[in-house]
Amino acid sequence: MKHLIHEELLEQMKSDGRDGRLSRRDFIRFLVAAGITVSAASVLWNAEVMAASPRKGGTFRLGLHDGNTSDTHDPGTYVSFATIQLAHIHRSFLTLITPQNGLGPDMAVSWSASDDASEWTFKLDKNASFHSGRPFTADDAIASLNHHRGDKTSSAAASLLKDVKEIVKNNPHSITIKLVSGNADLPWLMTDYHLAMLPANADGTVDWQSGDGAGPYKIVNHRPGIGTKLVRHDGWHLEGAYFDKVELVVLNDPNAREIALVTGEVDAVTQVELKTLNLLRRNKNIEIDNVPSGSALTMPMFCDTAPFDDVNVRNAMKLAIDREEIIEKIAFGMAIPGNDAHVSPNMPYWADLPQRKYDPEQAKALLKKAGREKLKVNLSVADTVYSGAVDMCVLFAQQAKAAGIEINVVREPSDGYYSNVWLKKPFCVAQWGARPTPDVMFTLTYKDDAAWNESRWKNKRFNELLLLAKAELDQAKRTAMYREMQQLARDDGGTIIPMFANFVYARNKKVQHGPHLAGSWQIDGARGASRWWFAN
């Protein structure tokens, strides 16, 4: 018999079933009326409705890369992937990135701006509470943001809040952030993983030491660089938190992570080893998530240190790398070429500048101009930076030989890499998670006085445009400013960006998630623990 049900109607029925708006009996009855057998309709219900319906229960075990014994609960020091993942599990923020990569509410339920975007008022969730039982109030929000402000702060996020003039308490559940000048992106900025909401102390500081938070799960046991055990926070103010418990297991070695997934020791892993991805795909119990993102691989060169203090040398290095070959052989096609400006094609205000190509002859000419022929440099890297990061650097070294450049690849220890190598050695590799807007990315790591200015690049025009663009509400003018900034970073900056890498992670098929995955961080914007669930 010909089926009479339309595909769009069937999808709507599945959605209604998952959300509880359609019973199993009615679902099957409608499909039978459309010519589908009872047994087939029953299988469809079990496989595509019930299996994809969030349900509570179980312990979710996640194998993580980039965990360090030096990691702390101070959000101002967050830098490793393990701390970023944990931050989104046991703490909350004013706003969040949705699975659709939009902006959504977290501890703030709404926000509004003055006409010039110099004042932003956030209304706070009256139902939100900390794991200790304390209700979340305006005092906590103000203290949490002030933790990253002032001359005495050591927070890496200080540059993000540098333009904040004052934070005012309107009532117990409302604050107004007053800026020196307008910032149209401020609500997006509040998603930054450093800006976690913490309980305030009586003196206006925050209690970060205890690990108290207001996220979906509260910490039971935490051992930096080893793992963390958590249980559901019954006072969680948002939807989700379907698992009863969450266990994070630090597995810096990529082979150890994949073995743990295959043997069932963990339910999901971050950062799959791409060269063994096809072997993993053959396992019928494993699902691969391949998510395009704005996550950049960067190779910062200290612009205040020879030989990189010469722009000709910096541009020679940028011309000596074959991005297409790196994407083909290292990323296995799961990336898009970088163009030495830290804005990916899936970010707003991306400028379609001429793509820089591999040109060793031009690189030679620039080195000759700089008086740096037969250049020799060290390039530091560690396995934990990216799946295949060391191989990428070895391939780069081979490519650069044609330009007369000798690159000595220095394999650094994974533990403590971002504490001991990044920002300290003049030429290294880093991986950045996606940021929602160019302003957030530029302010965090390209502004001249940013704590994370990884290339120590200082460009007067770039910094002038950064201030102008964030306050500009005319989209055409703002777009033109961001284009010029990307051109400056490409042609004068100290950062090589080989590619924007897809997030590729894996899970057991019993772990389910919705139709969309956030591209801000791995594991659904680092929120898989609260958004995912076990199938029936």
Foldseek 3Di string as FASTA:
>chain_A
DAFPDDPVVLVVLLVCLLVVNDDLVRQLVVRVVRPDDSVVSNCCCQPRRQQQRFAFEDEAEEEEAFFFQPDALQLLPDDTPVNLLVLQAQAWWQWAQALVRDIAGAQFHDKDADPLQQKMKTFGDQLFDKLVGHTQWPLQLQLLVCCLEDPPHPGLCVLVCVQFDDWAHPDRGMIMTGGVGHFPCVSLLRHPSSSTGFPADPVSHGPSRVVMHRHQWGWPDDRTPAKTKTAGRPSRDDAFLRYGIYIYGYDNDQVVNLVCQVVVVGFKYFAHQVVCVVVSVVPPQKDKDWFFFLKFKKKAFACVDPPNVDLLLLVLLLQLAALVVCCCPRVVVQWAFDLQFSADPPAPLDDPDPRRHNDLVSSLVSCVVSVQALAEEEEEEECSQHNCPQVSVVVSQVSNVSNNYHYHYHYDDSHCCCPPPQLPDRTYIHIAFHRRHSLSVCSSAVDQPRPNVRRNDHDPLLNVLSVVLSSDPPVVVNSVSSNVNRVCSNRRNRMRTSTRGITMMMGGPQKHADPGAHRRDPCRVSNVSGGIHGRD
